[in-house]
Amino acid sequence: MIFEEVTAPAHNISEEDLEKGRAEAKATVKKAVEFADASPPPPAGLAKVRREGGDGGRDLFAYV
């Protein structure tokens, strides 16, 4: 990882601080995933229609 190999040493960021940052990032992502999993799905009207083969193709979400 470039940040850990180049940037962190250049700015005297310790391994302990890097590990703390990793732990905070993992906790943030875990909370976000838990929130998303617990939330109801968005209204179908918010979905963008994606078509196979460009504008004239079939609606890929027609059977979802």
N, C-alpha and C. Protein backbone atom coordinates (compact mmCIF):
# COMPACT_ATOMS: atom_id res chain seq x y z
N MET A 1 0.84 -1.17 0.00
CA MET A 1 0.00 0.00 0.00
C MET A 1 0.89 1.24 0.00
N ILE A 2 0.64 2.11 -0.91
CA ILE A 2 1.48 3.29 -1.07
C ILE A 2 1.47 4.16 0.17
N PHE A 3 0.29 4.38 0.76
CA PHE A 3 0.22 5.24 1.94
C PHE A 3 1.11 4.71 3.05
N GLU A 4 0.99 3.42 3.32
CA GLU A 4 1.75 2.83 4.42
C GLU A 4 3.24 2.72 4.11
N GLU A 5 3.58 2.57 2.87
CA GLU A 5 4.99 2.40 2.50
C GLU A 5 5.72 3.72 2.25
N VAL A 6 5.00 4.72 1.78
CA VAL A 6 5.65 5.97 1.39
C VAL A 6 5.21 7.15 2.24
N THR A 7 3.92 7.41 2.25
CA THR A 7 3.41 8.61 2.91
C THR A 7 3.55 8.55 4.42
N ALA A 8 3.16 7.45 5.03
CA ALA A 8 3.22 7.35 6.50
C ALA A 8 4.64 7.57 7.02
N PRO A 9 5.64 6.88 6.50
CA PRO A 9 6.99 7.12 7.00
C PRO A 9 7.47 8.56 6.76
N ALA A 10 7.08 9.14 5.63
CA ALA A 10 7.52 10.50 5.32
C ALA A 10 6.93 11.51 6.30
N HIS A 11 5.81 11.16 6.92
CA HIS A 11 5.16 12.07 7.87
C HIS A 11 5.24 11.55 9.30
N ASN A 12 6.14 10.61 9.53
CA ASN A 12 6.37 10.06 10.87
C ASN A 12 5.10 9.50 11.51
N ILE A 13 4.28 8.82 10.73
CA ILE A 13 3.08 8.17 11.26
C ILE A 13 3.49 6.78 11.73
N SER A 14 3.26 6.51 12.99
CA SER A 14 3.70 5.25 13.58
C SER A 14 2.81 4.08 13.16
N GLU A 15 3.34 2.88 13.32
CA GLU A 15 2.56 1.67 13.05
C GLU A 15 1.35 1.63 13.97
N GLU A 16 1.52 2.09 15.19
CA GLU A 16 0.40 2.13 16.15
C GLU A 16 -0.71 3.05 15.64
N ASP A 17 -0.35 4.21 15.10
CA ASP A 17 -1.35 5.12 14.55
C ASP A 17 -2.01 4.54 13.30
N LEU A 18 -1.21 3.85 12.48
CA LEU A 18 -1.78 3.21 11.30
C LEU A 18 -2.80 2.15 11.71
N GLU A 19 -2.46 1.35 12.70
CA GLU A 19 -3.37 0.30 13.17
C GLU A 19 -4.64 0.91 13.76
N LYS A 20 -4.49 2.01 14.48
CA LYS A 20 -5.66 2.70 15.04
C LYS A 20 -6.57 3.20 13.91
N GLY A 21 -5.97 3.74 12.87
CA GLY A 21 -6.74 4.21 11.72
C GLY A 21 -7.45 3.07 11.01
N ARG A 22 -6.75 1.94 10.86
CA ARG A 22 -7.38 0.76 10.24
C ARG A 22 -8.57 0.29 11.06
N ALA A 23 -8.40 0.24 12.38
CA ALA A 23 -9.49 -0.21 13.26
C ALA A 23 -10.69 0.73 13.18
N GLU A 24 -10.43 2.03 13.17
CA GLU A 24 -11.52 3.01 13.06
C GLU A 24 -12.24 2.88 11.72
N ALA A 25 -11.48 2.68 10.65
CA ALA A 25 -12.09 2.53 9.32
C ALA A 25 -12.95 1.27 9.27
N LYS A 26 -12.44 0.16 9.81
CA LYS A 26 -13.22 -1.08 9.82
C LYS A 26 -14.50 -0.92 10.63
N ALA A 27 -14.42 -0.23 11.77
CA ALA A 27 -15.60 -0.02 12.61
C ALA A 27 -16.64 0.83 11.88
N THR A 28 -16.16 1.85 11.18
CA THR A 28 -17.08 2.72 10.42
C THR A 28 -17.79 1.94 9.32
N VAL A 29 -17.02 1.13 8.59
CA VAL A 29 -17.61 0.33 7.51
C VAL A 29 -18.60 -0.68 8.09
N LYS A 30 -18.24 -1.31 9.20
CA LYS A 30 -19.14 -2.29 9.82
C LYS A 30 -20.46 -1.65 10.21
N LYS A 31 -20.41 -0.46 10.82
CA LYS A 31 -21.63 0.25 11.20
C LYS A 31 -22.47 0.60 9.97
N ALA A 32 -21.81 1.03 8.91
CA ALA A 32 -22.52 1.39 7.68
C ALA A 32 -23.21 0.17 7.07
N VAL A 33 -22.54 -0.96 7.06
CA VAL A 33 -23.12 -2.19 6.52
C VAL A 33 -24.29 -2.64 7.38
N GLU A 34 -24.13 -2.58 8.69
CA GLU A 34 -25.23 -2.96 9.59
C GLU A 34 -26.44 -2.06 9.39
N PHE A 35 -26.20 -0.75 9.21
CA PHE A 35 -27.29 0.18 8.96
C PHE A 35 -27.99 -0.15 7.64
N ALA A 36 -27.20 -0.41 6.61
CA ALA A 36 -27.77 -0.73 5.30
C ALA A 36 -28.57 -2.03 5.36
N ASP A 37 -28.03 -3.03 6.03
CA ASP A 37 -28.72 -4.31 6.14
C ASP A 37 -30.03 -4.17 6.91
N ALA A 38 -30.08 -3.29 7.90
CA ALA A 38 -31.28 -3.12 8.73
C ALA A 38 -32.30 -2.17 8.09
N SER A 39 -31.91 -1.46 7.06
CA SER A 39 -32.80 -0.48 6.43
C SER A 39 -33.68 -1.16 5.38
N PRO A 40 -34.88 -0.60 5.19
CA PRO A 40 -35.74 -1.13 4.13
C PRO A 40 -35.14 -0.78 2.76
N PRO A 41 -35.46 -1.55 1.74
CA PRO A 41 -34.94 -1.21 0.41
C PRO A 41 -35.53 0.12 -0.06
N PRO A 42 -34.82 0.81 -0.91
CA PRO A 42 -35.34 2.08 -1.42
C PRO A 42 -36.53 1.82 -2.35
N PRO A 43 -37.34 2.85 -2.57
CA PRO A 43 -38.46 2.69 -3.50
C PRO A 43 -37.96 2.31 -4.89
N ALA A 44 -38.69 1.46 -5.55
CA ALA A 44 -38.28 0.99 -6.88
C ALA A 44 -38.13 2.15 -7.87
N GLY A 45 -38.87 3.21 -7.66
CA GLY A 45 -38.80 4.36 -8.56
C GLY A 45 -37.45 5.05 -8.57
N LEU A 46 -36.64 4.81 -7.55
CA LEU A 46 -35.32 5.43 -7.50
C LEU A 46 -34.29 4.67 -8.33
N ALA A 47 -34.62 3.44 -8.72
CA ALA A 47 -33.68 2.62 -9.48
C ALA A 47 -33.55 3.16 -10.90
N LYS A 48 -32.34 3.16 -11.39
CA LYS A 48 -32.11 3.55 -12.77
C LYS A 48 -32.24 2.29 -13.62
N VAL A 49 -32.91 2.41 -14.73
CA VAL A 49 -33.08 1.27 -15.62
C VAL A 49 -31.80 1.07 -16.41
N ARG A 50 -31.28 -0.11 -16.33
CA ARG A 50 -30.08 -0.44 -17.11
C ARG A 50 -30.51 -1.40 -18.20
N ARG A 51 -30.07 -1.13 -19.37
CA ARG A 51 -30.48 -1.94 -20.50
C ARG A 51 -29.28 -2.68 -21.07
N GLU A 52 -29.55 -3.92 -21.45
CA GLU A 52 -28.52 -4.74 -22.06
C GLU A 52 -28.38 -4.32 -23.51
N GLY A 53 -27.17 -4.11 -23.95
CA GLY A 53 -26.95 -3.77 -25.35
C GLY A 53 -27.22 -2.32 -25.69
N GLY A 54 -27.16 -1.43 -24.72
CA GLY A 54 -27.36 -0.01 -25.00
C GLY A 54 -28.81 0.40 -24.82
N ASP A 55 -29.18 1.50 -25.42
CA ASP A 55 -30.51 2.08 -25.23
C ASP A 55 -31.65 1.21 -25.74
N GLY A 56 -31.40 0.39 -26.73
CA GLY A 56 -32.47 -0.39 -27.32
C GLY A 56 -32.60 -1.80 -26.76
N GLY A 57 -31.80 -2.13 -25.77
CA GLY A 57 -31.81 -3.49 -25.25
C GLY A 57 -32.94 -3.76 -24.28
N ARG A 58 -32.93 -4.95 -23.68
CA ARG A 58 -34.00 -5.32 -22.75
C ARG A 58 -33.69 -4.81 -21.36
N ASP A 59 -34.71 -4.53 -20.60
CA ASP A 59 -34.61 -4.04 -19.22
C ASP A 59 -34.09 -5.15 -18.33
N LEU A 60 -32.89 -5.00 -17.77
CA LEU A 60 -32.30 -6.05 -16.94
C LEU A 60 -33.00 -6.22 -15.60
N PHE A 61 -33.77 -5.21 -15.16
CA PHE A 61 -34.46 -5.28 -13.88
C PHE A 61 -35.94 -5.61 -14.00
N ALA A 62 -36.37 -5.99 -15.18
CA ALA A 62 -37.80 -6.22 -15.39
C ALA A 62 -38.34 -7.35 -14.54
N TYR A 63 -37.52 -8.31 -14.16
CA TYR A 63 -38.01 -9.48 -13.43
C TYR A 63 -37.56 -9.50 -11.98
N VAL A 64 -37.04 -8.39 -11.49
CA VAL A 64 -36.55 -8.34 -10.11
C VAL A 64 -37.68 -7.96 -9.19
